[in-house]
Every structure is written in structure tokens, then in C-alpha cells.
PDB file of N, CA and C in Angstrom:
ATOM      1  N   MET A   1       0.817  -1.197   0.000  1.00  0.00           N
ATOM      2  CA  MET A   1       0.000   0.000   0.000  1.00  0.00           C
ATOM      3  C   MET A   1       0.859   1.259   0.000  1.00  0.00           C
ATOM      4  N   MET A   2       1.858   1.294   0.864  1.00  0.00           N
ATOM      5  CA  MET A   2       2.711   2.464   0.952  1.00  0.00           C
ATOM      6  C   MET A   2       3.491   2.667  -0.353  1.00  0.00           C
ATOM      7  N   ALA A   3       3.927   1.564  -0.945  1.00  0.00           N
ATOM      8  CA  ALA A   3       4.652   1.640  -2.210  1.00  0.00           C
ATOM      9  C   ALA A   3       3.749   2.196  -3.311  1.00  0.00           C
ATOM     10  N   ASP A   4       2.469   1.800  -3.295  1.00  0.00           N
ATOM     11  CA  ASP A   4       1.523   2.306  -4.292  1.00  0.00           C
ATOM     12  C   ASP A   4       1.362   3.816  -4.174  1.00  0.00           C
ATOM     13  N   LYS A   5       1.298   4.312  -2.948  1.00  0.00           N
ATOM     14  CA  LYS A   5       1.166   5.759  -2.739  1.00  0.00           C
ATOM     15  C   LYS A   5       2.403   6.490  -3.238  1.00  0.00           C
ATOM     16  N   LEU A   6       3.559   5.930  -2.949  1.00  0.00           N
ATOM     17  CA  LEU A   6       4.811   6.537  -3.395  1.00  0.00           C
ATOM     18  C   LEU A   6       4.874   6.569  -4.921  1.00  0.00           C
ATOM     19  N   LEU A   7       4.549   5.442  -5.555  1.00  0.00           N
ATOM     20  CA  LEU A   7       4.569   5.389  -7.013  1.00  0.00           C
ATOM     21  C   LEU A   7       3.559   6.362  -7.611  1.00  0.00           C
ATOM     22  N   SER A   8       2.410   6.482  -6.993  1.00  0.00           N
ATOM     23  CA  SER A   8       1.398   7.422  -7.465  1.00  0.00           C
ATOM     24  C   SER A   8       1.897   8.861  -7.352  1.00  0.00           C
ATOM     25  N   LYS A   9       2.586   9.162  -6.257  1.00  0.00           N
ATOM     26  CA  LYS A   9       3.132  10.503  -6.057  1.00  0.00           C
ATOM     27  C   LYS A   9       4.215  10.804  -7.098  1.00  0.00           C
ATOM     28  N   ILE A  10       5.058   9.829  -7.361  1.00  0.00           N
ATOM     29  CA  ILE A  10       6.124   9.989  -8.352  1.00  0.00           C
ATOM     30  C   ILE A  10       5.512  10.186  -9.737  1.00  0.00           C
ATOM     31  N   ALA A  11       4.515   9.373 -10.085  1.00  0.00           N
ATOM     32  CA  ALA A  11       3.864   9.492 -11.391  1.00  0.00           C
ATOM     33  C   ALA A  11       3.191  10.852 -11.542  1.00  0.00           C
ATOM     34  N   SER A  12       2.570  11.317 -10.477  1.00  0.00           N
ATOM     35  CA  SER A  12       1.918  12.623 -10.507  1.00  0.00           C
ATOM     36  C   SER A  12       2.939  13.736 -10.729  1.00  0.00           C
ATOM     37  N   ARG A  13       4.064  13.649 -10.035  1.00  0.00           N
ATOM     38  CA  ARG A  13       5.111  14.656 -10.180  1.00  0.00           C
ATOM     39  C   ARG A  13       5.693  14.649 -11.593  1.00  0.00           C
ATOM     40  N   MET A  14       5.908  13.451 -12.148  1.00  0.00           N
ATOM     41  CA  MET A  14       6.427  13.358 -13.517  1.00  0.00           C
ATOM     42  C   MET A  14       5.426  13.956 -14.507  1.00  0.00           C
ATOM     43  N   ALA A  15       4.139  13.744 -14.282  1.00  0.00           N
ATOM     44  CA  ALA A  15       3.117  14.333 -15.155  1.00  0.00           C
ATOM     45  C   ALA A  15       3.177  15.854 -15.086  1.00  0.00           C
ATOM     46  N   GLU A  16       3.380  16.395 -13.884  1.00  0.00           N
ATOM     47  CA  GLU A  16       3.508  17.850 -13.724  1.00  0.00           C
ATOM     48  C   GLU A  16       4.729  18.376 -14.477  1.00  0.00           C
ATOM     49  N   ILE A  17       5.844  17.662 -14.359  1.00  0.00           N
ATOM     50  CA  ILE A  17       7.083  18.067 -15.025  1.00  0.00           C
ATOM     51  C   ILE A  17       6.888  18.054 -16.538  1.00  0.00           C
ATOM     52  N   ARG A  18       6.290  16.979 -17.063  1.00  0.00           N
ATOM     53  CA  ARG A  18       6.068  16.892 -18.512  1.00  0.00           C
ATOM     54  C   ARG A  18       5.138  17.995 -19.006  1.00  0.00           C
ATOM     55  N   LYS A  19       4.086  18.290 -18.243  1.00  0.00           N
ATOM     56  CA  LYS A  19       3.161  19.354 -18.628  1.00  0.00           C
ATOM     57  C   LYS A  19       3.874  20.704 -18.644  1.00  0.00           C
ATOM     58  N   ALA A  20       4.687  20.980 -17.634  1.00  0.00           N
ATOM     59  CA  ALA A  20       5.422  22.249 -17.583  1.00  0.00           C
ATOM     60  C   ALA A  20       6.349  22.377 -18.778  1.00  0.00           C
ATOM     61  N   ARG A  21       6.975  21.275 -19.171  1.00  0.00           N
ATOM     62  CA  ARG A  21       7.889  21.306 -20.309  1.00  0.00           C
ATOM     63  C   ARG A  21       7.126  21.513 -21.617  1.00  0.00           C
ATOM     64  N   ARG A  22       5.978  20.844 -21.768  1.00  0.00           N
ATOM     65  CA  ARG A  22       5.160  21.071 -22.969  1.00  0.00           C
ATOM     66  C   ARG A  22       4.662  22.504 -23.012  1.00  0.00           C
ATOM     67  N   ASP A  23       4.216  23.011 -21.869  1.00  0.00           N
ATOM     68  CA  ASP A  23       3.725  24.390 -21.804  1.00  0.00           C
ATOM     69  C   ASP A  23       4.822  25.399 -22.139  1.00  0.00           C
ATOM     70  N   ALA A  24       6.087  25.027 -21.893  1.00  0.00           N
ATOM     71  CA  ALA A  24       7.216  25.910 -22.194  1.00  0.00           C
ATOM     72  C   ALA A  24       7.669  25.778 -23.655  1.00  0.00           C
ATOM     73  N   GLY A  25       6.984  24.919 -24.416  1.00  0.00           N
ATOM     74  CA  GLY A  25       7.304  24.793 -25.836  1.00  0.00           C
ATOM     75  C   GLY A  25       8.292  23.703 -26.187  1.00  0.00           C
ATOM     76  N   PHE A  26       8.424  22.705 -25.336  1.00  0.00           N
ATOM     77  CA  PHE A  26       9.340  21.597 -25.593  1.00  0.00           C
ATOM     78  C   PHE A  26       8.545  20.319 -25.827  1.00  0.00           C
ATOM     79  N   ASN A  27       9.065  19.435 -26.684  1.00  0.00           N
ATOM     80  CA  ASN A  27       8.456  18.133 -26.937  1.00  0.00           C
ATOM     81  C   ASN A  27       9.417  17.041 -26.502  1.00  0.00           C
ATOM     82  N   GLU A  28       8.859  15.984 -25.959  1.00  0.00           N
ATOM     83  CA  GLU A  28       9.651  14.825 -25.574  1.00  0.00           C
ATOM     84  C   GLU A  28       9.695  13.858 -26.753  1.00  0.00           C
ATOM     85  N   VAL A  29      10.874  13.322 -27.040  1.00  0.00           N
ATOM     86  CA  VAL A  29      11.014  12.340 -28.114  1.00  0.00           C
ATOM     87  C   VAL A  29      11.774  11.124 -27.598  1.00  0.00           C
ATOM     88  N   THR A  30      11.463   9.992 -28.173  1.00  0.00           N
ATOM     89  CA  THR A  30      12.177   8.765 -27.845  1.00  0.00           C
ATOM     90  C   THR A  30      12.761   8.234 -29.141  1.00  0.00           C
ATOM     91  N   ILE A  31      14.051   8.051 -29.140  1.00  0.00           N
ATOM     92  CA  ILE A  31      14.724   7.503 -30.323  1.00  0.00           C
ATOM     93  C   ILE A  31      15.750   6.476 -29.871  1.00  0.00           C
ATOM     94  N   TRP A  32      16.193   5.691 -30.789  1.00  0.00           N
ATOM     95  CA  TRP A  32      17.224   4.699 -30.522  1.00  0.00           C
ATOM     96  C   TRP A  32      18.511   5.137 -31.203  1.00  0.00           C
ATOM     97  N   VAL A  33      19.594   5.175 -30.438  1.00  0.00           N
ATOM     98  CA  VAL A  33      20.907   5.524 -30.989  1.00  0.00           C
ATOM     99  C   VAL A  33      21.904   4.444 -30.592  1.00  0.00           C
ATOM    100  N   PRO A  34      22.967   4.281 -31.371  1.00  0.00           N
ATOM    101  CA  PRO A  34      23.998   3.305 -30.989  1.00  0.00           C
ATOM    102  C   PRO A  34      24.550   3.663 -29.603  1.00  0.00           C
ATOM    103  N   LYS A  35      24.750   2.654 -28.768  1.00  0.00           N
ATOM    104  CA  LYS A  35      25.150   2.919 -27.381  1.00  0.00           C
ATOM    105  C   LYS A  35      26.449   3.707 -27.284  1.00  0.00           C
ATOM    106  N   GLU A  36      27.335   3.566 -28.260  1.00  0.00           N
ATOM    107  CA  GLU A  36      28.590   4.310 -28.194  1.00  0.00           C
ATOM    108  C   GLU A  36      28.389   5.797 -28.520  1.00  0.00           C
ATOM    109  N   GLU A  37      27.216   6.173 -29.007  1.00  0.00           N
ATOM    110  CA  GLU A  37      26.923   7.573 -29.343  1.00  0.00           C
ATOM    111  C   GLU A  37      25.974   8.261 -28.355  1.00  0.00           C
ATOM    112  N   VAL A  38      25.557   7.555 -27.318  1.00  0.00           N
ATOM    113  CA  VAL A  38      24.561   8.101 -26.391  1.00  0.00           C
ATOM    114  C   VAL A  38      25.034   9.393 -25.740  1.00  0.00           C
ATOM    115  N   ARG A  39      26.226   9.412 -25.206  1.00  0.00           N
ATOM    116  CA  ARG A  39      26.722  10.621 -24.531  1.00  0.00           C
ATOM    117  C   ARG A  39      26.791  11.805 -25.495  1.00  0.00           C
ATOM    118  N   THR A  40      27.306  11.558 -26.680  1.00  0.00           N
ATOM    119  CA  THR A  40      27.414  12.624 -27.674  1.00  0.00           C
ATOM    120  C   THR A  40      26.032  13.139 -28.061  1.00  0.00           C
ATOM    121  N   PHE A  41      25.102  12.229 -28.312  1.00  0.00           N
ATOM    122  CA  PHE A  41      23.755  12.629 -28.702  1.00  0.00           C
ATOM    123  C   PHE A  41      23.065  13.407 -27.588  1.00  0.00           C
ATOM    124  N   ARG A  42      23.211  12.926 -26.360  1.00  0.00           N
ATOM    125  CA  ARG A  42      22.590  13.605 -25.216  1.00  0.00           C
ATOM    126  C   ARG A  42      23.147  15.020 -25.067  1.00  0.00           C
ATOM    127  N   ASP A  43      24.456  15.165 -25.185  1.00  0.00           N
ATOM    128  CA  ASP A  43      25.058  16.497 -25.076  1.00  0.00           C
ATOM    129  C   ASP A  43      24.584  17.422 -26.194  1.00  0.00           C
ATOM    130  N   LEU A  44      24.472  16.893 -27.418  1.00  0.00           N
ATOM    131  CA  LEU A  44      23.971  17.709 -28.528  1.00  0.00           C
ATOM    132  C   LEU A  44      22.522  18.132 -28.297  1.00  0.00           C
ATOM    133  N   ALA A  45      21.717  17.213 -27.782  1.00  0.00           N
ATOM    134  CA  ALA A  45      20.312  17.537 -27.507  1.00  0.00           C
ATOM    135  C   ALA A  45      20.209  18.632 -26.444  1.00  0.00           C
ATOM    136  N   TRP A  46      21.007  18.535 -25.383  1.00  0.00           N
ATOM    137  CA  TRP A  46      20.963  19.569 -24.341  1.00  0.00           C
ATOM    138  C   TRP A  46      21.500  20.900 -24.855  1.00  0.00           C
ATOM    139  N   GLN A  47      22.463  20.855 -25.753  1.00  0.00           N
ATOM    140  CA  GLN A  47      22.946  22.108 -26.355  1.00  0.00           C
ATOM    141  C   GLN A  47      21.819  22.792 -27.129  1.00  0.00           C
ATOM    142  N   ALA A  48      20.992  22.005 -27.826  1.00  0.00           N
ATOM    143  CA  ALA A  48      19.861  22.574 -28.558  1.00  0.00           C
ATOM    144  C   ALA A  48      18.845  23.185 -27.598  1.00  0.00           C
ATOM    145  N   VAL A  49      18.596  22.512 -26.492  1.00  0.00           N
ATOM    146  CA  VAL A  49      17.666  23.045 -25.481  1.00  0.00           C
ATOM    147  C   VAL A  49      18.210  24.358 -24.924  1.00  0.00           C
ATOM    148  N   GLU A  50      19.481  24.368 -24.571  1.00  0.00           N
ATOM    149  CA  GLU A  50      20.088  25.557 -23.975  1.00  0.00           C
ATOM    150  C   GLU A  50      20.186  26.720 -24.968  1.00  0.00           C
ATOM    151  N   ALA A  51      20.301  26.412 -26.259  1.00  0.00           N
ATOM    152  CA  ALA A  51      20.478  27.451 -27.272  1.00  0.00           C
ATOM    153  C   ALA A  51      19.162  28.048 -27.773  1.00  0.00           C
ATOM    154  N   CYS A  52      18.034  27.465 -27.419  1.00  0.00           N
ATOM    155  CA  CYS A  52      16.767  27.912 -27.997  1.00  0.00           C
ATOM    156  C   CYS A  52      16.286  29.250 -27.439  1.00  0.00           C
ATOM    157  N   GLY A  53      16.849  29.682 -26.322  1.00  0.00           N
ATOM    158  CA  GLY A  53      16.472  30.984 -25.780  1.00  0.00           C
ATOM    159  C   GLY A  53      15.292  30.968 -24.829  1.00  0.00           C
ATOM    160  N   ARG A  54      14.744  29.783 -24.562  1.00  0.00           N
ATOM    161  CA  ARG A  54      13.637  29.667 -23.603  1.00  0.00           C
ATOM    162  C   ARG A  54      14.125  28.947 -22.358  1.00  0.00           C
ATOM    163  N   SER A  55      13.484  29.250 -21.249  1.00  0.00           N
ATOM    164  CA  SER A  55      13.810  28.583 -20.002  1.00  0.00           C
ATOM    165  C   SER A  55      13.237  27.167 -20.013  1.00  0.00           C
ATOM    166  N   PHE A  56      14.067  26.184 -19.675  1.00  0.00           N
ATOM    167  CA  PHE A  56      13.629  24.792 -19.622  1.00  0.00           C
ATOM    168  C   PHE A  56      13.243  24.444 -18.195  1.00  0.00           C
ATOM    169  N   PRO A  57      12.000  24.007 -17.967  1.00  0.00           N
ATOM    170  CA  PRO A  57      11.571  23.643 -16.615  1.00  0.00           C
ATOM    171  C   PRO A  57      12.235  22.342 -16.140  1.00  0.00           C
ATOM    172  N   HIS A  58      13.172  22.475 -15.236  1.00  0.00           N
ATOM    173  CA  HIS A  58      13.833  21.310 -14.646  1.00  0.00           C
ATOM    174  C   HIS A  58      13.037  20.826 -13.444  1.00  0.00           C
ATOM    175  N   ARG A  59      13.529  19.806 -12.789  1.00  0.00           N
ATOM    176  CA  ARG A  59      12.835  19.238 -11.634  1.00  0.00           C
ATOM    177  C   ARG A  59      12.855  20.133 -10.411  1.00  0.00           C
ATOM    178  N   ALA A  60      13.865  20.954 -10.295  1.00  0.00           N
ATOM    179  CA  ALA A  60      14.012  21.789  -9.104  1.00  0.00           C
ATOM    180  C   ALA A  60      12.806  22.711  -8.953  1.00  0.00           C
ATOM    181  N   PRO A  61      12.424  22.981  -7.717  1.00  0.00           N
ATOM    182  CA  PRO A  61      11.254  23.835  -7.481  1.00  0.00           C
ATOM    183  C   PRO A  61      11.336  25.189  -8.164  1.00  0.00           C
ATOM    184  N   ASP A  62      12.534  25.744  -8.284  1.00  0.00           N
ATOM    185  CA  ASP A  62      12.650  27.059  -8.911  1.00  0.00           C
ATOM    186  C   ASP A  62      12.705  26.979 -10.432  1.00  0.00           C
ATOM    187  N   GLY A  63      12.766  25.757 -10.984  1.00  0.00           N
ATOM    188  CA  GLY A  63      12.755  25.578 -12.422  1.00  0.00           C
ATOM    189  C   GLY A  63      14.045  25.956 -13.123  1.00  0.00           C
ATOM    190  N   GLN A  64      15.094  26.233 -12.382  1.00  0.00           N
ATOM    191  CA  GLN A  64      16.334  26.689 -12.994  1.00  0.00           C
ATOM    192  C   GLN A  64      17.525  25.805 -12.642  1.00  0.00           C
ATOM    193  N   HIS A  65      17.299  24.632 -12.125  1.00  0.00           N
ATOM    194  CA  HIS A  65      18.386  23.723 -11.751  1.00  0.00           C
ATOM    195  C   HIS A  65      19.236  23.400 -12.974  1.00  0.00           C
ATOM    196  N   SER A  66      20.518  23.566 -12.865  1.00  0.00           N
ATOM    197  CA  SER A  66      21.383  23.299 -14.016  1.00  0.00           C
ATOM    198  C   SER A  66      21.686  21.816 -14.115  1.00  0.00           C
ATOM    199  N   ARG A  67      21.705  21.330 -15.324  1.00  0.00           N
ATOM    200  CA  ARG A  67      21.976  19.922 -15.597  1.00  0.00           C
ATOM    201  C   ARG A  67      23.482  19.690 -15.533  1.00  0.00           C
ATOM    202  N   GLN A  68      23.866  18.606 -14.911  1.00  0.00           N
ATOM    203  CA  GLN A  68      25.275  18.245 -14.862  1.00  0.00           C
ATOM    204  C   GLN A  68      25.594  17.377 -16.070  1.00  0.00           C
ATOM    205  N   ARG A  69      26.520  17.823 -16.878  1.00  0.00           N
ATOM    206  CA  ARG A  69      26.921  17.042 -18.067  1.00  0.00           C
ATOM    207  C   ARG A  69      27.762  15.857 -17.635  1.00  0.00           C
ATOM    208  N   SER A  70      27.601  14.785 -18.359  1.00  0.00           N
ATOM    209  CA  SER A  70      28.402  13.606 -18.071  1.00  0.00           C
ATOM    210  C   SER A  70      29.860  13.893 -18.377  1.00  0.00           C
ATOM    211  N   LYS A  71      30.722  13.367 -17.574  1.00  0.00           N
ATOM    212  CA  LYS A  71      32.157  13.573 -17.752  1.00  0.00           C
ATOM    213  C   LYS A  71      32.767  12.289 -18.323  1.00  0.00           C
ATOM    214  N   LYS A  72      33.229  12.361 -19.535  1.00  0.00           N
ATOM    215  CA  LYS A  72      33.926  11.223 -20.118  1.00  0.00           C
ATOM    216  C   LYS A  72      34.504  11.583 -21.431  1.00  0.00           C
TER     217      LYS A  72
END
């Protein structure tokens, strides 16, 4: 029972995050890339988000939490 409540809370929060991102003019996409290109593709995608000139709603309450890039 407690796990169900937690999962429901997490799902609700994720729905809020996705709605905020759609409302800010962003679309979520799912694609398949070769595993050796994942880091490069992810960094390129975040560069596009950062370069668009709009604020991206992150998980942080203030909506401005900076993403930590993978180091490798």
C-alpha cells in the first residue's frame, strides 16, 4: 500500500514536469541511438535546449536547476 502511494506521487510529479515542459514549448522524443553515441547525442540535444532561448523547466522547485553534463 505504501509503495503504491509513493509510485502514485512519483507518477503525478512526472506528469507535472512533462506538462510544464510542454507548456514551455518543448516536446519529448524517444529515439534509438547506438550505445557508443549516447553521450554525444545527449550532449547535442541539451545544447539545442540551452540554445533555444527559452527557459527549460527542470525538476528543481525554482525551475532553474542546471543539468550536470556527463564527464567522459
